[in-house]
């Protein structure tokens, strides 16, 4: 195995002592990357879950580390992987390890304030702007100022940018590169990648939730298979199939339990309204088009808005409401029937129009829980077994669970005094949509003297995350 590049050691709360190629620090020690220290990984969740205080900075370092671990595991344990580098040249191996690590390091460098919250409540239309595209632009920006071994050639930069987006273009430049290089950081084929392996562990740790799968096993029980005679794909040992399935169940459960928590969504809506109200004064939307100004945007924008004498009163009032924990109130929820999940946008638009016609202070949002793709990604995961001669071959007899996919439509009100009006309007709308939606009971906040209800474990109300995985399977 080729010698590992010179490395520096860091102590990570999730992965322990880790080593990173020193060349990566040419990208880390820049204003563009250091900005990630001030971007909460989980956006508005920190206002609801006190432990969810980790930032994009440590997540990106963790992803870079896992990307290098996976490449080195494949070199050590996959004959097809080694054969590929024997063919193209062993000198290319360590350089491509660095490039994969770099793609992992910079995959989230383009996030806006409060991470995904920014796109959900400020941008709203991801077809116009996405953090992945900005990440590719910022990698190019950093690279333009580098010299020596750390500087990427034009082809290497193009390769890293496409590993960040997870798409392998069908062109002459990248045609020669194997498929597996585009499956490690952002796997658009199956959804199993180091980004997910890191954030699931990190988010469970910060939210004090038990892990439902073993991330190390997923890497350790993987190999490279030659598919259709030429394409090289990542595959997983058939005996680790259940662990792979549990990873997708963990993602589903985190989205349902914490990412889409009713109070989290209320805070995120308020953060979005604050930034929209202050946009005329602070020019946030204009900053999206100017990288020099965009790299100054971070979670601190809320503090900047709060202390500015030019801030509109509406934005100031919302900030004070967050400080007092006077969040927008959830009025009602409806679950979209499974067969109509693809029509959620149509239902949301219908409910918004209904609320606007009644001139009610209502906000309509959707919450979606699935395995990360519109269709079941488990049908695309490749598994392998050993034949009688000890060769790795495709395993075809692995049972795969059905796709878990749910969607909720929620309506919030900005004015708690009109909560009953909004709820009545919502119920009227839902009755007219019978067959497309079904009611979901909205938890009522207890009064200080009201006793806490006993939990019936048989119905799952008090089960922890691991219990829910076991029950689901």
Protein backbone atom coordinates (compact mmCIF):
# COMPACT_ATOMS: atom_id res chain seq x y z
CA UNK A 1 0.00 0.00 0.00
CA UNK A 2 1.42 3.43 -0.91
CA UNK A 3 2.61 5.47 2.08
CA UNK A 4 0.12 7.89 3.58
CA UNK A 5 0.73 11.59 3.01
CA UNK A 6 2.14 13.71 5.84
CA UNK A 7 -0.67 14.21 8.32
CA UNK A 8 -1.69 16.37 11.27
CA UNK A 9 -3.58 14.97 14.25
CA UNK A 10 -6.85 16.35 15.62
CA UNK A 11 -9.13 15.21 18.42
CA UNK A 12 -12.74 14.84 17.27
CA UNK A 13 -15.61 14.14 19.73
CA UNK A 14 -17.13 11.55 17.38
CA UNK A 15 -14.16 9.85 15.73
CA UNK A 16 -11.51 10.35 18.42
CA UNK A 17 -7.93 11.03 17.33
CA UNK A 18 -7.93 11.54 13.58
CA UNK A 19 -5.26 12.31 11.00
CA UNK A 20 -5.72 14.71 8.10
CA UNK A 21 -3.45 15.35 5.14
CA UNK A 22 -1.52 18.56 5.80
CA UNK A 23 -2.51 19.83 2.35
CA UNK A 24 -6.12 20.05 3.55
CA UNK A 25 -5.11 22.77 5.99
CA UNK A 26 -4.32 25.03 3.05
CA UNK A 27 -8.09 25.05 2.53
CA UNK A 28 -9.06 24.91 6.22
CA UNK A 29 -7.00 27.92 7.22
CA UNK A 30 -8.91 30.36 5.05
CA UNK A 31 -11.72 32.86 5.79
CA UNK A 32 -14.07 30.88 3.55
CA UNK A 33 -13.69 27.71 5.63
CA UNK A 34 -13.26 29.29 9.08
CA UNK A 35 -16.68 30.87 8.59
CA UNK A 36 -18.14 27.40 9.22
CA UNK A 37 -17.31 27.80 12.91
CA UNK A 38 -20.25 30.21 13.08
CA UNK A 39 -22.81 28.08 11.23
CA UNK A 40 -24.89 25.76 13.41
CA UNK A 41 -25.11 22.31 11.87
CA UNK A 42 -28.77 21.97 12.85
CA UNK A 43 -29.94 25.55 12.40
CA UNK A 44 -32.86 26.44 14.65
CA UNK A 45 -32.65 23.17 16.60
CA UNK A 46 -30.24 24.79 19.06
CA UNK A 47 -33.13 26.92 20.37
CA UNK A 48 -35.04 23.73 21.28
CA UNK A 49 -32.34 21.09 21.92
CA UNK A 50 -29.57 22.70 24.03
CA UNK A 51 -27.03 20.04 23.05
CA UNK A 52 -27.42 20.70 19.31
CA UNK A 53 -24.67 23.31 19.36
CA UNK A 54 -22.21 21.72 16.93
CA UNK A 55 -21.17 23.58 13.81
CA UNK A 56 -20.52 22.86 10.13
CA UNK A 57 -16.78 23.25 10.82
CA UNK A 58 -16.37 19.98 12.76
CA UNK A 59 -18.83 18.12 10.54
CA UNK A 60 -16.82 18.96 7.42
CA UNK A 61 -13.60 17.84 9.08
CA UNK A 62 -15.29 14.58 10.10
CA UNK A 63 -16.50 13.98 6.54
CA UNK A 64 -12.99 14.56 5.16
CA UNK A 65 -11.59 12.07 7.66
CA UNK A 66 -14.15 9.38 6.83
CA UNK A 67 -13.60 9.91 3.10
CA UNK A 68 -9.91 9.14 3.52
CA UNK A 69 -10.68 6.15 5.75
CA UNK A 70 -12.99 4.69 3.11
CA UNK A 71 -10.49 5.11 0.27
CA UNK A 72 -7.75 3.42 2.31
CA UNK A 73 -10.05 0.60 3.39
CA UNK A 74 -10.95 -0.08 -0.24
CA UNK A 75 -7.29 -0.14 -1.27
CA UNK A 76 -6.49 -2.63 1.46
CA UNK A 77 -9.49 -4.95 1.07
CA UNK A 78 -10.81 -4.66 -2.50
CA UNK A 79 -8.96 -6.53 -5.29
CA UNK A 80 -10.91 -4.65 -7.96
CA UNK A 81 -9.96 -1.32 -6.38
CA UNK A 82 -6.26 -2.24 -6.32
CA UNK A 83 -6.43 -3.54 -9.87
CA UNK A 84 -7.83 -0.21 -11.03
CA UNK A 85 -4.91 1.76 -9.56
CA UNK A 86 -2.40 -0.78 -10.82
CA UNK A 87 -3.79 -0.06 -14.28
CA UNK A 88 -3.92 3.75 -14.12
CA UNK A 89 -0.79 4.13 -12.02
CA UNK A 90 -0.12 3.83 -8.29
CA UNK A 91 1.01 7.46 -8.20
CA UNK A 92 -2.57 8.56 -8.84
CA UNK A 93 -3.92 6.74 -5.78
CA UNK A 94 -2.66 9.03 -2.99
CA UNK A 95 -3.49 12.14 -5.00
CA UNK A 96 -7.05 10.93 -5.52
CA UNK A 97 -7.34 10.14 -1.81
CA UNK A 98 -6.50 13.79 -1.18
CA UNK A 99 -9.05 14.94 -3.77
CA UNK A 100 -11.81 12.80 -2.22
CA UNK A 101 -10.88 14.11 1.25
CA UNK A 102 -10.97 17.66 -0.10
CA UNK A 103 -14.43 17.13 -1.60
CA UNK A 104 -15.60 15.88 1.82
CA UNK A 105 -13.96 18.81 3.57
CA UNK A 106 -15.58 21.45 1.36
CA UNK A 107 -18.93 19.82 0.56
CA UNK A 108 -20.83 22.16 2.94
CA UNK A 109 -18.64 25.25 2.73
CA UNK A 110 -21.40 27.06 0.80
CA UNK A 111 -24.10 26.85 3.48
CA UNK A 112 -25.86 30.04 4.53
CA UNK A 113 -26.84 31.19 8.04
CA UNK A 114 -28.37 28.40 10.10
CA UNK A 115 -27.46 25.83 7.39
CA UNK A 116 -30.48 24.16 5.76
CA UNK A 117 -32.82 26.55 7.55
CA UNK A 118 -31.56 29.35 5.30
CA UNK A 119 -32.62 27.51 2.17
CA UNK A 120 -35.91 26.34 3.67
CA UNK A 121 -37.21 29.67 4.98
CA UNK A 122 -35.26 32.41 3.18
CA UNK A 123 -34.42 31.04 -0.26
CA UNK A 124 -37.49 28.77 -0.47
CA UNK A 125 -36.84 27.93 -4.15
CA UNK A 126 -33.70 25.77 -4.36
CA UNK A 127 -33.84 25.83 -8.17
CA UNK A 128 -32.61 29.44 -7.95
CA UNK A 129 -29.85 28.94 -5.37
CA UNK A 130 -28.27 26.01 -3.52
CA UNK A 131 -25.43 25.65 -1.06
CA UNK A 132 -23.87 22.85 -3.15
CA UNK A 133 -23.30 25.21 -6.10
CA UNK A 134 -21.85 27.87 -3.79
CA UNK A 135 -19.57 25.19 -2.28
CA UNK A 136 -18.13 24.47 -5.72
CA UNK A 137 -17.59 28.20 -6.30
CA UNK A 138 -15.83 28.68 -2.97
CA UNK A 139 -13.50 25.71 -3.58
CA UNK A 140 -12.47 27.37 -6.84
CA UNK A 141 -12.05 30.70 -5.03
CA UNK A 142 -9.74 29.21 -2.38
CA UNK A 143 -7.80 27.20 -4.95
CA UNK A 144 -7.08 30.30 -7.06
CA UNK A 145 -5.01 31.71 -4.19
CA UNK A 146 -2.94 28.57 -3.54
CA UNK A 147 0.47 27.54 -4.80
CA UNK A 148 2.48 24.35 -4.83
CA UNK A 149 1.17 20.83 -4.23
CA UNK A 150 -2.08 22.00 -2.62
CA UNK A 151 -3.19 23.87 -5.75
CA UNK A 152 -5.49 21.83 -7.96
CA UNK A 153 -5.18 21.63 -11.70
CA UNK A 154 -8.23 22.63 -13.73
CA UNK A 155 -9.16 18.96 -14.19
CA UNK A 156 -8.70 18.17 -10.48
CA UNK A 157 -10.84 21.16 -9.51
CA UNK A 158 -13.59 20.02 -11.89
CA UNK A 159 -13.39 16.51 -10.42
CA UNK A 160 -13.67 17.79 -6.82
CA UNK A 161 -16.61 20.05 -7.72
CA UNK A 162 -18.50 17.11 -9.20
CA UNK A 163 -17.71 14.86 -6.25
CA UNK A 164 -19.28 17.56 -4.06
CA UNK A 165 -22.48 17.54 -6.13
CA UNK A 166 -22.34 13.74 -6.48
CA UNK A 167 -22.90 13.84 -10.22
CA UNK A 168 -20.57 12.26 -12.77
CA UNK A 169 -21.01 14.20 -16.02
CA UNK A 170 -20.96 12.17 -19.20
CA UNK A 171 -18.13 14.07 -20.84
CA UNK A 172 -14.60 13.44 -22.05
CA UNK A 173 -12.97 15.10 -19.02
CA UNK A 174 -14.44 12.91 -16.27
CA UNK A 175 -15.37 9.82 -18.29
CA UNK A 176 -12.08 8.15 -17.37
CA UNK A 177 -12.73 8.40 -13.61
CA UNK A 178 -14.43 5.45 -11.85
CA UNK A 179 -17.97 5.68 -10.54
CA UNK A 180 -16.98 4.98 -6.93
CA UNK A 181 -15.19 8.34 -6.67
CA UNK A 182 -18.63 10.00 -6.96
CA UNK A 183 -20.22 7.67 -4.38
CA UNK A 184 -18.08 8.45 -1.34
CA UNK A 185 -18.90 12.07 -0.43
CA UNK A 186 -22.35 12.65 -1.99
CA UNK A 187 -23.78 9.38 -3.26
CA UNK A 188 -26.70 10.18 -5.58
CA UNK A 189 -27.00 6.49 -6.50
CA UNK A 190 -27.82 4.95 -3.10
CA UNK A 191 -27.50 7.73 -0.51
CA UNK A 192 -24.81 5.85 1.45
CA UNK A 193 -21.92 8.28 1.82
CA UNK A 194 -19.56 9.74 4.38
CA UNK A 195 -21.63 12.91 4.71
CA UNK A 196 -24.51 10.83 6.08
CA UNK A 197 -22.25 8.58 8.17
CA UNK A 198 -20.83 11.62 9.95
CA UNK A 199 -23.93 13.75 10.48
CA UNK A 200 -26.07 10.87 11.74
CA UNK A 201 -23.48 10.06 14.40
CA UNK A 202 -22.81 13.70 15.26
CA UNK A 203 -26.47 14.67 15.48
CA UNK A 204 -27.42 11.65 17.61
CA UNK A 205 -24.52 12.44 19.95
CA UNK A 206 -25.48 16.11 20.28
CA UNK A 207 -29.19 15.40 20.76
CA UNK A 208 -28.42 12.60 23.27
CA UNK A 209 -30.16 9.98 21.16
CA UNK A 210 -28.89 6.38 20.84
CA UNK A 211 -27.40 5.28 17.53
CA UNK A 212 -29.43 2.76 15.58
CA UNK A 213 -26.58 1.48 13.40
CA UNK A 214 -22.80 0.97 13.33
CA UNK A 215 -21.17 3.46 10.93
CA UNK A 216 -17.74 1.81 11.08
CA UNK A 217 -19.18 -1.52 9.91
CA UNK A 218 -20.61 0.09 6.79
CA UNK A 219 -17.11 1.13 5.69
CA UNK A 220 -15.39 -2.03 6.93
CA UNK A 221 -17.82 -4.36 5.11
CA UNK A 222 -17.62 -2.58 1.75
CA UNK A 223 -15.78 -3.35 -1.47
CA UNK A 224 -15.75 -2.41 -5.15
CA UNK A 225 -17.65 -4.51 -7.69
CA UNK A 226 -17.34 -4.30 -11.45
CA UNK A 227 -20.86 -3.83 -12.81
CA UNK A 228 -21.93 -4.46 -16.43
CA UNK A 229 -18.37 -5.28 -17.28
CA UNK A 230 -16.89 -1.82 -16.69
CA UNK A 231 -18.53 0.47 -14.07
CA UNK A 232 -16.92 0.26 -10.62
CA UNK A 233 -19.49 0.60 -7.83
CA UNK A 234 -19.28 0.46 -4.03
CA UNK A 235 -20.98 -2.66 -2.63
CA UNK A 236 -21.61 -3.97 0.90
CA UNK A 237 -21.32 -7.46 2.35
CA UNK A 238 -24.67 -9.24 2.49
CA UNK A 239 -24.20 -10.02 6.19
CA UNK A 240 -24.17 -6.26 6.91
CA UNK A 241 -27.45 -5.67 5.09
CA UNK A 242 -29.45 -5.15 8.28
CA UNK A 243 -26.95 -2.54 9.50
CA UNK A 244 -27.27 -0.70 6.17
CA UNK A 245 -31.07 -0.75 6.49
CA UNK A 246 -30.80 0.61 10.04
CA UNK A 247 -28.81 3.58 8.77
CA UNK A 248 -31.77 4.59 6.61
CA UNK A 249 -34.16 4.01 9.51
CA UNK A 250 -31.96 6.26 11.67
CA UNK A 251 -32.22 9.04 9.10
CA UNK A 252 -35.99 8.60 8.92
CA UNK A 253 -36.35 8.69 12.71
CA UNK A 254 -34.15 11.75 13.20
CA UNK A 255 -36.18 13.68 10.65
CA UNK A 256 -39.39 12.65 12.34
CA UNK A 257 -38.23 13.11 15.94
CA UNK A 258 -35.98 16.15 15.98
CA UNK A 259 -35.26 17.77 12.60
CA UNK A 260 -38.99 18.38 12.06
CA UNK A 261 -39.95 18.96 15.71
CA UNK A 262 -42.89 21.39 15.84
CA UNK A 263 -40.99 23.91 17.98
CA UNK A 264 -37.88 23.67 15.78
CA UNK A 265 -39.95 24.50 12.71
CA UNK A 266 -41.60 27.40 14.56
CA UNK A 267 -38.20 28.93 15.38
CA UNK A 268 -36.96 28.40 11.83
CA UNK A 269 -40.01 30.19 10.42
CA UNK A 270 -39.30 33.10 12.77
CA UNK A 271 -35.63 33.24 11.75
CA UNK A 272 -36.73 33.34 8.13
CA UNK A 273 -39.17 36.17 8.80
CA UNK A 274 -36.47 38.12 10.66
CA UNK A 275 -34.06 37.88 7.73
CA UNK A 276 -36.79 38.73 5.20
CA UNK A 277 -37.88 41.78 7.22
CA UNK A 278 -34.28 42.97 7.52
CA UNK A 279 -33.31 42.18 3.93
CA UNK A 280 -34.02 45.70 2.66
CA UNK A 281 -31.65 47.16 5.26
CA UNK A 282 -28.97 44.47 5.32
CA UNK A 283 -29.02 43.31 1.69
CA UNK A 284 -28.90 39.60 2.51
CA UNK A 285 -30.39 38.54 -0.83
CA UNK A 286 -27.86 40.71 -2.69
CA UNK A 287 -25.01 39.07 -0.76
CA UNK A 288 -25.94 35.74 -2.34
CA UNK A 289 -24.63 37.06 -5.66
CA UNK A 290 -21.35 38.42 -4.26
CA UNK A 291 -18.90 35.86 -2.83
CA UNK A 292 -16.84 38.59 -1.14
CA UNK A 293 -19.89 39.55 0.91
CA UNK A 294 -21.43 36.09 1.13
CA UNK A 295 -18.49 34.67 3.11
CA UNK A 296 -19.26 37.29 5.78
CA UNK A 297 -22.78 35.86 6.26
CA UNK A 298 -23.19 33.54 9.24
CA UNK A 299 -25.51 32.87 12.18
CA UNK A 300 -24.27 36.15 13.67
CA UNK A 301 -26.55 37.99 11.23
CA UNK A 302 -29.33 37.78 13.85
CA UNK A 303 -27.17 39.59 16.41
CA UNK A 304 -26.20 42.17 13.79
CA UNK A 305 -29.87 42.77 13.02
CA UNK A 306 -30.71 43.01 16.73
CA UNK A 307 -28.13 45.66 17.56
CA UNK A 308 -28.59 47.82 14.47
CA UNK A 309 -30.62 51.04 14.93
CA UNK A 310 -31.74 50.70 11.30
CA UNK A 311 -33.48 47.36 11.85
CA UNK A 312 -37.22 47.37 11.04
CA UNK A 313 -39.41 47.11 14.18
CA UNK A 314 -40.97 43.87 12.88
CA UNK A 315 -37.59 42.11 12.88
CA UNK A 316 -36.69 43.49 16.34
CA UNK A 317 -40.00 42.26 17.75
CA UNK A 318 -39.48 38.76 16.39
CA UNK A 319 -35.98 38.56 17.87
CA UNK A 320 -37.36 39.54 21.27
CA UNK A 321 -40.08 36.90 20.92
CA UNK A 322 -37.41 34.24 20.34
CA UNK A 323 -35.54 35.44 23.44
CA UNK A 324 -38.75 35.07 25.45
CA UNK A 325 -39.50 31.74 23.79
CA UNK A 326 -42.74 33.14 22.43
CA UNK A 327 -42.64 31.02 19.27
CA UNK A 328 -45.19 30.82 16.48
CA UNK A 329 -47.94 28.40 17.52
CA UNK A 330 -48.74 25.16 15.75
CA UNK A 331 -52.49 25.06 15.05
CA UNK A 332 -52.93 21.79 13.22
CA UNK A 333 -51.31 19.00 11.22
CA UNK A 334 -52.49 16.64 8.54
CA UNK A 335 -50.71 13.57 7.26
CA UNK A 336 -50.66 13.17 3.51
CA UNK A 337 -51.74 9.70 2.43
CA UNK A 338 -48.83 7.62 1.18
CA UNK A 339 -49.98 7.53 -2.42
CA UNK A 340 -50.18 11.31 -2.54
CA UNK A 341 -46.75 12.22 -1.12
CA UNK A 342 -45.66 13.50 -4.52
CA UNK A 343 -48.61 15.95 -4.44
CA UNK A 344 -47.59 17.63 -1.18
CA UNK A 345 -46.68 20.88 -2.95
CA UNK A 346 -50.13 21.06 -4.51
CA UNK A 347 -51.79 20.54 -1.13
CA UNK A 348 -49.57 23.15 0.52
CA UNK A 349 -50.42 25.68 -2.20
CA UNK A 350 -54.13 24.91 -1.75
CA UNK A 351 -54.00 25.45 2.02
CA UNK A 352 -52.00 28.69 1.64
CA UNK A 353 -54.58 30.03 -0.77
CA UNK A 354 -57.37 29.06 1.63
CA UNK A 355 -55.72 30.88 4.56
CA UNK A 356 -54.96 33.97 2.45
CA UNK A 357 -58.57 34.18 1.28
CA UNK A 358 -59.63 34.38 4.95
CA UNK A 359 -56.87 36.92 5.73
CA UNK A 360 -55.59 34.80 8.61
CA UNK A 361 -52.06 35.18 10.09
CA UNK A 362 -51.12 31.62 9.10
CA UNK A 363 -47.97 29.94 7.80
CA UNK A 364 -48.20 26.63 5.95
CA UNK A 365 -45.21 24.29 5.85
CA UNK A 366 -44.51 20.69 4.93
CA UNK A 367 -42.48 18.10 6.81
CA UNK A 368 -41.26 15.07 4.92
CA UNK A 369 -39.66 11.92 6.32
CA UNK A 370 -38.12 9.27 4.07
CA UNK A 371 -34.89 7.44 3.28
CA UNK A 372 -33.45 10.49 1.52
CA UNK A 373 -34.68 9.84 -2.02
CA UNK A 374 -38.04 9.98 -3.82
CA UNK A 375 -37.86 6.23 -4.48
CA UNK A 376 -36.53 3.46 -2.26
CA UNK A 377 -32.70 3.76 -2.33
CA UNK A 378 -32.38 0.25 -0.88
CA UNK A 379 -33.33 -1.18 -4.28
CA UNK A 380 -30.15 0.38 -5.69
CA UNK A 381 -27.74 -0.73 -2.95
CA UNK A 382 -25.41 -3.45 -4.21
CA UNK A 383 -24.45 -6.33 -1.92
CA UNK A 384 -21.71 -8.89 -2.37
CA UNK A 385 -20.81 -12.35 -1.12
CA UNK A 386 -17.85 -14.70 -1.61
CA UNK A 387 -18.10 -17.58 -4.06
CA UNK A 388 -16.51 -20.98 -3.45
CA UNK A 389 -13.21 -19.69 -4.78
CA UNK A 390 -13.22 -16.72 -2.40
CA UNK A 391 -14.03 -14.17 -5.09
CA UNK A 392 -16.34 -11.24 -4.44
CA UNK A 393 -19.55 -11.61 -6.42
CA UNK A 394 -22.90 -9.85 -6.46
CA UNK A 395 -25.33 -11.19 -3.85
CA UNK A 396 -28.85 -11.30 -5.25
CA UNK A 397 -30.82 -12.90 -2.40
CA UNK A 398 -30.89 -9.96 0.03
CA UNK A 399 -34.39 -9.02 1.23
CA UNK A 400 -34.94 -5.27 1.24
CA UNK A 401 -37.55 -3.49 3.39
CA UNK A 402 -40.16 -1.22 1.83
CA UNK A 403 -39.53 2.49 1.51
CA UNK A 404 -40.66 4.42 4.60
CA UNK A 405 -42.12 7.69 3.38
CA UNK A 406 -44.39 10.11 5.20
CA UNK A 407 -45.35 13.73 4.79
CA UNK A 408 -47.12 16.20 7.04
CA UNK A 409 -48.73 19.54 6.28
CA UNK A 410 -48.63 21.92 9.22
CA UNK A 411 -50.20 25.30 9.80
CA UNK A 412 -48.74 27.78 12.28
CA UNK A 413 -49.99 31.16 13.39
CA UNK A 414 -47.92 34.23 14.21
CA UNK A 415 -50.67 35.52 16.53
CA UNK A 416 -51.53 33.14 19.39
CA UNK A 417 -54.79 35.03 20.06
CA UNK A 418 -56.12 33.85 16.68
CA UNK A 419 -55.06 30.25 17.05
CA UNK A 420 -58.65 28.96 17.26
CA UNK A 421 -59.60 30.82 14.06
CA UNK A 422 -56.69 29.34 12.15
CA UNK A 423 -57.41 25.86 13.50
CA UNK A 424 -61.08 26.08 12.47
CA UNK A 425 -60.10 27.19 8.97
CA UNK A 426 -57.56 24.39 8.75
CA UNK A 427 -60.10 21.76 9.81
CA UNK A 428 -62.57 23.07 7.22
CA UNK A 429 -59.92 22.79 4.50
CA UNK A 430 -58.95 19.30 5.62
CA UNK A 431 -62.57 18.09 5.51
CA UNK A 432 -62.69 19.16 1.87
CA UNK A 433 -59.52 17.12 1.28
CA UNK A 434 -60.82 13.92 2.85
CA UNK A 435 -59.08 10.95 1.25
CA UNK A 436 -55.93 12.94 0.52
CA UNK A 437 -55.09 13.75 4.14
CA UNK A 438 -55.88 12.42 7.58
CA UNK A 439 -55.80 14.32 10.89
CA UNK A 440 -52.83 14.28 13.23
CA UNK A 441 -53.44 15.18 16.85
CA UNK A 442 -51.62 18.37 17.80
CA UNK A 443 -50.08 18.02 21.29
CA UNK A 444 -51.53 20.56 23.72
CA UNK A 445 -49.17 22.29 26.10
CA UNK A 446 -49.92 21.40 29.72
CA UNK A 447 -50.63 24.04 32.34
CA UNK A 448 -48.10 24.25 35.21
CA UNK A 449 -50.49 22.42 37.60
CA UNK A 450 -51.63 19.77 35.14
CA UNK A 451 -50.11 16.32 35.85
CA UNK A 452 -47.96 14.72 33.19
CA UNK A 453 -49.87 11.87 31.49
CA UNK A 454 -48.59 8.35 31.90
CA UNK A 455 -46.95 6.91 28.81
CA UNK A 456 -48.24 3.67 27.35
CA UNK A 457 -45.15 1.97 26.00
CA UNK A 458 -47.28 -0.35 23.91
CA UNK A 459 -48.27 2.51 21.62
CA UNK A 460 -44.71 3.72 21.32
CA UNK A 461 -45.03 7.09 23.06
CA UNK A 462 -42.14 6.47 25.45
CA UNK A 463 -39.90 4.35 23.29
CA UNK A 464 -36.39 5.55 22.62
CA UNK A 465 -34.89 5.60 19.14
CA UNK A 466 -33.50 2.07 19.36
CA UNK A 467 -36.90 0.70 20.50
CA UNK A 468 -38.55 2.37 17.54
CA UNK A 469 -36.06 0.80 15.11
CA UNK A 470 -36.69 -2.62 16.61
CA UNK A 471 -40.45 -2.12 16.44
CA UNK A 472 -40.25 -0.86 12.86
CA UNK A 473 -38.37 -3.95 11.80
